[in-house]
Amino acid sequence: MRMSASCAKLLTAWTLMFGYAAPAAAQEFTTLRVNTFPTASYFPVFVGIANGVFEKRGIKVDLQYTSSSQAQRDGLASGAIDIAHAGVDNAVGMVEMAKQDVIIVTGGDNGLNELMARPEIRSIADIRGKTLFVDAPNTAYALVAKKILKNAGLLEGKDYAVKSIGGVRERFDAMRTAAEPVAGMLNPPFSFAAKEAGLKSLGRAVDLLGPYQAGGAFVMRNWARANGPLLERYIAAYIESVRMTMAPANRAQVVSLMATRLKQDPKVAERAYEALTEPRFGLAPDAKFDMEGFKAVLALRAEIEGQWGGKPPAPDRYIDLGYYDRALKLVGER
């Protein structure tokens, strides 16, 4: 018996909000331990789980949240995590500082970051003498913030202090309750929740600095070699989940799921969804890797951290997009 259009729509909404109906008992799944920050940037993972996209490809996702990039990097290196989703500069940091053989296998977004501040700070110049809240001080979005401040004539240690707080949720909570004027990088939905709480934006990173390859997936190279077809199925499901997240027809359901899973006010979730689907600022279609944006990542690390003698290396040693290319063939290009 054919399902009516109205019933099909109802089932889609139900599965997005409450999870996918269990597939046939005979199907076997491989569990993958996937670790992310609880932000809108990695929401395709939530959407894919809710819709059974990963299960369709024989994968059960054990989704874990991290409170800091250091905890995530340690988990990946120890084997407690199979796949990490975060700013890919963390993978570069693992290679260069921890001497771990990590590879980046997808793109994702440019970070969707905004430099946010307590209302007493009215401009970037006003951060002079204040404190910048960061996750890890020597990687990813902390370096983005330091570059923005450097372009405004402010240098770490001389003009402002840096304090490690943790992931974006932790930074949001700390900035909102701080007794003194502070600043920090935030992304959706917390950047919008911060505005609702009275904090202000001093500018979006993409507007202040240009292209930057931020969020992506990275894994240990040996694990990828031993699990190539599995990794490709995961990436294929992730690409499908990105498409599902960005499809206008799914807007209401995705916003509802985001409000529920990330514990956000619906109007904050609505604004976060708009940011996710905004060209240039939001999710990269099909989680495509931005090579020019990644070169900017390396250049930023060379400049701010003084790594490689200040001269960025070629990007090849940090990436292996062969898994992505084969996964895209499984899905079909658009």
Protein backbone atom coordinates (compact mmCIF):
# COMPACT_ATOMS: atom_id res chain seq x y z
CA MET A 1 0.00 0.00 0.00
CA ARG A 2 1.42 3.38 -0.97
CA MET A 3 1.94 6.02 1.69
CA SER A 4 0.10 9.31 1.16
CA ALA A 5 2.10 12.52 0.74
CA SER A 6 0.80 13.90 4.05
CA CYS A 7 1.77 10.71 5.91
CA ALA A 8 5.23 10.80 4.33
CA LYS A 9 5.76 14.39 5.46
CA LEU A 10 4.60 13.51 8.97
CA LEU A 11 7.00 10.57 9.10
CA THR A 12 9.89 12.79 7.94
CA ALA A 13 9.17 15.34 10.66
CA TRP A 14 8.82 12.58 13.25
CA THR A 15 12.13 10.96 12.36
CA LEU A 16 13.98 14.27 12.33
CA MET A 17 12.73 15.16 15.79
CA PHE A 18 12.75 11.79 17.53
CA GLY A 19 15.03 9.50 15.56
CA TYR A 20 14.85 7.03 12.77
CA ALA A 21 12.74 3.92 13.07
CA ALA A 22 14.86 0.82 13.68
CA PRO A 23 15.84 -0.98 10.47
CA ALA A 24 15.36 -4.67 9.92
CA ALA A 25 16.82 -6.73 12.75
CA ALA A 26 18.88 -8.79 10.32
CA GLN A 27 21.00 -5.80 9.30
CA GLU A 28 24.38 -5.59 10.99
CA PHE A 29 26.05 -2.33 11.91
CA THR A 30 29.59 -1.20 12.57
CA THR A 31 29.85 1.26 15.44
CA LEU A 32 31.96 4.37 14.90
CA ARG A 33 32.92 6.62 17.80
CA VAL A 34 32.47 10.14 16.46
CA ASN A 35 33.49 13.14 18.53
CA THR A 36 32.31 16.72 17.99
CA PHE A 37 31.71 19.98 19.75
CA PRO A 38 27.98 20.53 20.43
CA THR A 39 27.62 23.36 17.93
CA ALA A 40 25.63 24.05 14.77
CA SER A 41 28.73 23.52 12.60
CA TYR A 42 28.54 19.76 13.11
CA PHE A 43 24.77 19.53 13.07
CA PRO A 44 24.71 17.33 9.95
CA VAL A 45 25.84 14.52 12.26
CA PHE A 46 22.69 15.03 14.37
CA VAL A 47 20.49 15.20 11.29
CA GLY A 48 22.06 12.10 9.79
CA ILE A 49 21.55 10.13 12.99
CA ALA A 50 17.93 11.27 13.34
CA ASN A 51 17.14 10.26 9.77
CA GLY A 52 18.95 6.94 9.78
CA VAL A 53 21.36 8.12 7.06
CA PHE A 54 24.37 6.47 8.68
CA GLU A 55 22.43 3.29 9.45
CA LYS A 56 21.45 3.07 5.80
CA ARG A 57 25.16 2.60 5.09
CA GLY A 58 25.62 0.05 7.87
CA ILE A 59 27.02 2.45 10.48
CA LYS A 60 25.91 3.06 14.04
CA VAL A 61 27.26 6.40 15.25
CA ASP A 62 28.31 6.58 18.90
CA LEU A 63 28.24 10.39 19.15
CA GLN A 64 30.41 11.93 21.82
CA TYR A 65 30.79 15.59 22.80
CA THR A 66 34.06 17.19 23.79
CA SER A 67 34.50 20.06 26.19
CA SER A 68 37.85 21.12 24.72
CA SER A 69 40.04 20.58 21.68
CA GLN A 70 42.80 19.14 23.88
CA ALA A 71 40.47 16.45 25.21
CA GLN A 72 39.41 15.63 21.67
CA ARG A 73 42.98 15.44 20.37
CA ASP A 74 43.99 13.21 23.27
CA GLY A 75 41.02 10.92 22.63
CA LEU A 76 41.84 10.55 18.95
CA ALA A 77 45.50 9.83 19.64
CA SER A 78 44.68 7.22 22.29
CA GLY A 79 42.19 5.38 20.09
CA ALA A 80 39.16 6.32 22.20
CA ILE A 81 37.78 8.23 19.19
CA ASP A 82 37.58 7.02 15.60
CA ILE A 83 36.57 10.24 13.83
CA ALA A 84 36.90 13.82 15.10
CA HIS A 85 34.96 16.79 13.76
CA ALA A 86 36.51 20.14 14.71
CA GLY A 87 38.64 22.94 13.37
CA VAL A 88 41.17 21.16 11.16
CA ASP A 89 44.01 23.24 12.54
CA ASN A 90 43.74 20.86 15.48
CA ALA A 91 44.89 18.09 13.14
CA VAL A 92 47.87 20.20 12.11
CA GLY A 93 48.63 20.79 15.78
CA MET A 94 48.53 17.04 16.44
CA VAL A 95 50.99 16.42 13.63
CA GLU A 96 53.39 19.21 14.54
CA MET A 97 53.21 19.35 18.33
CA ALA A 98 52.16 15.85 19.41
CA LYS A 99 53.89 14.09 16.48
CA GLN A 100 50.74 12.10 15.71
CA ASP A 101 50.11 10.82 12.17
CA VAL A 102 46.72 12.44 11.55
CA ILE A 103 45.02 13.18 8.24
CA ILE A 104 42.16 15.51 7.37
CA VAL A 105 39.56 13.73 5.23
CA THR A 106 36.76 16.29 4.68
CA GLY A 107 35.99 19.96 4.79
CA GLY A 108 32.92 21.36 6.48
CA ASP A 109 32.76 25.10 7.07
CA ASN A 110 34.80 28.24 7.68
CA GLY A 111 34.05 28.24 11.41
CA LEU A 112 31.04 30.57 11.35
CA ASN A 113 32.95 32.51 13.99
CA GLU A 114 32.31 35.97 15.33
CA LEU A 115 34.52 37.90 17.71
CA MET A 116 32.12 38.51 20.60
CA ALA A 117 32.61 40.74 23.63
CA ARG A 118 30.93 41.98 26.75
CA PRO A 119 28.98 45.20 26.08
CA GLU A 120 31.61 47.33 27.81
CA ILE A 121 33.93 46.55 24.89
CA ARG A 122 32.70 48.64 21.98
CA SER A 123 35.44 47.98 19.42
CA ILE A 124 38.36 45.67 18.80
CA ALA A 125 40.68 48.42 20.04
CA ASP A 126 38.83 48.34 23.40
CA ILE A 127 40.18 44.81 24.02
CA ARG A 128 43.48 46.49 24.98
CA GLY A 129 44.13 45.67 28.62
CA LYS A 130 41.38 43.04 28.66
CA THR A 131 41.29 39.22 28.47
CA LEU A 132 40.62 37.00 25.46
CA PHE A 133 38.87 33.72 26.30
CA VAL A 134 39.97 30.78 24.12
CA ASP A 135 39.88 27.00 23.94
CA ALA A 136 43.48 25.86 23.41
CA PRO A 137 45.67 28.98 23.10
CA ASN A 138 47.88 27.69 20.28
CA THR A 139 45.48 26.32 17.70
CA ALA A 140 42.40 26.90 15.54
CA TYR A 141 40.09 29.74 16.50
CA ALA A 142 42.42 31.16 19.15
CA LEU A 143 44.88 31.86 16.32
CA VAL A 144 42.07 33.44 14.29
CA ALA A 145 41.26 35.75 17.19
CA LYS A 146 44.91 36.64 17.73
CA LYS A 147 45.30 37.52 14.04
CA ILE A 148 42.22 39.75 14.14
CA LEU A 149 43.66 41.55 17.16
CA LYS A 150 47.11 41.75 15.58
CA ASN A 151 45.60 43.42 12.52
CA ALA A 152 44.12 45.98 14.92
CA GLY A 153 47.54 46.61 16.45
CA LEU A 154 47.08 44.45 19.58
CA LEU A 155 49.66 41.81 20.57
CA GLU A 156 49.21 38.94 23.01
CA GLY A 157 50.98 39.45 26.33
CA LYS A 158 51.66 43.10 25.63
CA ASP A 159 48.19 44.46 24.97
CA TYR A 160 45.86 41.72 26.22
CA ALA A 161 45.87 38.47 28.17
CA VAL A 162 44.74 35.03 27.00
CA LYS A 163 42.84 32.58 29.20
CA SER A 164 42.01 28.98 28.28
CA ILE A 165 38.37 28.25 29.08
CA GLY A 166 37.34 25.30 26.87
CA GLY A 167 34.92 24.71 24.02
CA VAL A 168 32.39 27.15 22.66
CA ARG A 169 29.67 26.27 25.19
CA GLU A 170 32.14 26.79 28.02
CA ARG A 171 33.36 30.08 26.52
CA PHE A 172 29.81 31.32 26.12
CA ASP A 173 28.97 30.54 29.74
CA ALA A 174 32.18 32.14 30.99
CA MET A 175 31.77 35.27 28.87
CA ARG A 176 28.15 35.69 29.88
CA THR A 177 28.92 35.50 33.60
CA ALA A 178 32.36 37.15 33.72
CA ALA A 179 32.71 39.94 36.24
CA GLU A 180 35.10 41.86 33.97
CA PRO A 181 35.05 42.89 30.28
CA VAL A 182 36.20 39.94 28.15
CA ALA A 183 36.13 38.85 24.49
CA GLY A 184 36.25 35.56 22.62
CA MET A 185 35.34 33.71 19.45
CA LEU A 186 31.86 32.16 19.35
CA ASN A 187 29.91 30.37 16.64
CA PRO A 188 26.26 29.30 16.23
CA PRO A 189 24.09 28.74 18.11
CA PHE A 190 26.08 30.28 20.96
CA SER A 191 26.99 33.44 19.05
CA PHE A 192 23.27 34.18 18.70
CA ALA A 193 22.50 33.16 22.28
CA ALA A 194 25.26 35.57 23.33
CA LYS A 195 23.58 38.41 21.46
CA GLU A 196 20.30 37.57 23.18
CA ALA A 197 22.18 37.78 26.49
CA GLY A 198 23.51 41.26 25.70
CA LEU A 199 26.97 40.48 24.30
CA LYS A 200 27.95 42.15 21.05
CA SER A 201 29.68 41.14 17.86
CA LEU A 202 32.86 42.92 16.82
CA GLY A 203 32.78 41.26 13.41
CA ARG A 204 32.64 37.93 11.61
CA ALA A 205 35.96 36.18 11.04
CA VAL A 206 35.25 35.54 7.35
CA ASP A 207 34.70 39.29 6.84
CA LEU A 208 37.74 40.31 8.88
CA LEU A 209 40.23 37.72 7.58
CA GLY A 210 38.81 36.06 4.47
CA PRO A 211 38.65 32.35 3.57
CA TYR A 212 39.61 29.86 6.28
CA GLN A 213 39.17 26.08 6.27
CA ALA A 214 37.79 25.53 9.74
CA GLY A 215 35.54 22.59 10.56
CA GLY A 216 36.26 19.20 9.03
CA ALA A 217 36.78 15.54 9.87
CA PHE A 218 40.17 14.06 10.73
CA VAL A 219 41.38 10.60 11.72
CA MET A 220 44.56 8.71 12.50
CA ARG A 221 46.21 7.68 9.23
CA ASN A 222 46.73 4.06 10.27
CA TRP A 223 43.07 3.77 11.27
CA ALA A 224 42.03 5.13 7.87
CA ARG A 225 44.24 2.62 6.05
CA ALA A 226 42.76 -0.25 8.06
CA ASN A 227 39.16 0.95 7.65
CA GLY A 228 39.10 2.63 4.23
CA PRO A 229 35.72 1.37 2.91
CA LEU A 230 34.09 2.04 6.31
CA LEU A 231 35.47 5.58 6.39
CA GLU A 232 34.22 6.18 2.86
CA ARG A 233 30.72 4.98 3.81
CA TYR A 234 30.78 7.34 6.79
CA ILE A 235 31.83 10.30 4.66
CA ALA A 236 29.18 9.42 2.07
CA ALA A 237 26.54 9.45 4.81
CA TYR A 238 27.91 12.73 6.13
CA ILE A 239 27.67 14.33 2.68
CA GLU A 240 24.06 13.14 2.44
CA SER A 241 23.41 14.59 5.89
CA VAL A 242 24.85 17.97 4.85
CA ARG A 243 22.52 18.01 1.87
CA MET A 244 19.58 17.13 4.09
CA THR A 245 20.49 19.85 6.61
CA MET A 246 20.73 22.54 3.94
CA ALA A 247 17.59 21.56 2.01
CA PRO A 248 14.98 24.35 2.41
CA ALA A 249 12.21 21.76 2.68
CA ASN A 250 13.75 20.49 5.94
CA ARG A 251 14.18 23.89 7.61
CA ALA A 252 11.40 23.63 10.21
CA GLN A 253 12.36 20.12 11.23
CA VAL A 254 16.08 20.88 11.49
CA VAL A 255 15.41 24.02 13.58
CA SER A 256 13.21 21.99 15.94
CA LEU A 257 15.87 19.30 16.28
CA MET A 258 18.58 21.91 16.88
CA ALA A 259 16.56 23.60 19.62
CA THR A 260 16.00 20.24 21.29
CA ARG A 261 19.46 18.69 20.97
CA LEU A 262 21.48 21.84 21.70
CA LYS A 263 19.01 23.11 24.33
CA GLN A 264 18.46 26.46 22.65
CA ASP A 265 15.55 28.84 22.38
CA PRO A 266 13.75 28.19 19.06
CA LYS A 267 14.46 31.73 17.82
CA VAL A 268 18.18 31.21 18.49
CA ALA A 269 18.01 27.89 16.63
CA GLU A 270 16.25 29.64 13.74
CA ARG A 271 19.03 32.21 13.45
CA ALA A 272 21.67 29.49 13.71
CA TYR A 273 20.03 27.62 10.85
CA GLU A 274 20.03 30.76 8.70
CA ALA A 275 23.76 31.11 9.38
CA LEU A 276 24.39 27.47 8.43
CA THR A 277 22.78 27.93 5.05
CA GLU A 278 24.26 31.36 4.25
CA PRO A 279 26.64 31.22 1.27
CA ARG A 280 30.30 31.93 2.13
CA PHE A 281 29.56 31.99 5.88
CA GLY A 282 27.78 28.68 6.48
CA LEU A 283 28.28 25.00 5.72
CA ALA A 284 30.32 24.10 2.66
CA PRO A 285 28.11 22.25 0.15
CA ASP A 286 28.85 18.51 0.34
CA ALA A 287 31.45 19.23 3.07
CA LYS A 288 33.90 20.20 0.34
CA PHE A 289 37.46 20.95 1.41
CA ASP A 290 38.65 24.52 0.74
CA MET A 291 42.30 24.23 -0.27
CA GLU A 292 42.87 27.99 -0.37
CA GLY A 293 41.24 28.28 3.04
CA PHE A 294 43.55 25.55 4.35
CA LYS A 295 46.60 27.36 3.02
CA ALA A 296 45.35 30.31 5.08
CA VAL A 297 45.24 28.02 8.14
CA LEU A 298 48.90 27.10 7.65
CA ALA A 299 49.90 30.70 6.95
CA LEU A 300 48.15 31.82 10.13
CA ARG A 301 49.95 29.21 12.24
CA ALA A 302 53.27 30.23 10.70
CA GLU A 303 52.64 33.90 11.42
CA ILE A 304 51.09 33.75 14.88
CA GLU A 305 52.95 30.77 16.33
CA GLY A 306 56.16 31.27 14.34
CA GLN A 307 56.04 27.63 13.25
CA TRP A 308 58.19 26.34 10.36
CA GLY A 309 60.38 29.38 10.71
CA GLY A 310 57.45 31.56 9.75
CA LYS A 311 57.06 29.96 6.32
CA PRO A 312 54.00 27.72 5.86
CA PRO A 313 54.61 24.25 4.39
CA ALA A 314 52.81 22.57 1.51
CA PRO A 315 49.44 21.21 2.65
CA ASP A 316 49.86 17.68 1.28
CA ARG A 317 51.19 15.98 4.41
CA TYR A 318 48.11 16.90 6.44
CA ILE A 319 45.34 15.81 4.08
CA ASP A 320 44.15 12.75 2.18
CA LEU A 321 41.04 13.59 0.18
CA GLY A 322 41.01 10.26 -1.65
CA TYR A 323 38.52 8.92 0.90
CA TYR A 324 36.27 11.92 0.28
CA ASP A 325 36.49 11.57 -3.50
CA ARG A 326 35.49 7.92 -3.36
CA ALA A 327 32.69 8.71 -0.91
CA LEU A 328 31.33 11.39 -3.22
CA LYS A 329 31.12 8.81 -5.99
CA LEU A 330 29.01 6.62 -3.69
CA VAL A 331 26.60 9.50 -3.16
CA GLY A 332 26.72 11.00 -6.64
CA GLU A 333 27.87 14.54 -7.40
CA ARG A 334 25.39 17.35 -7.84
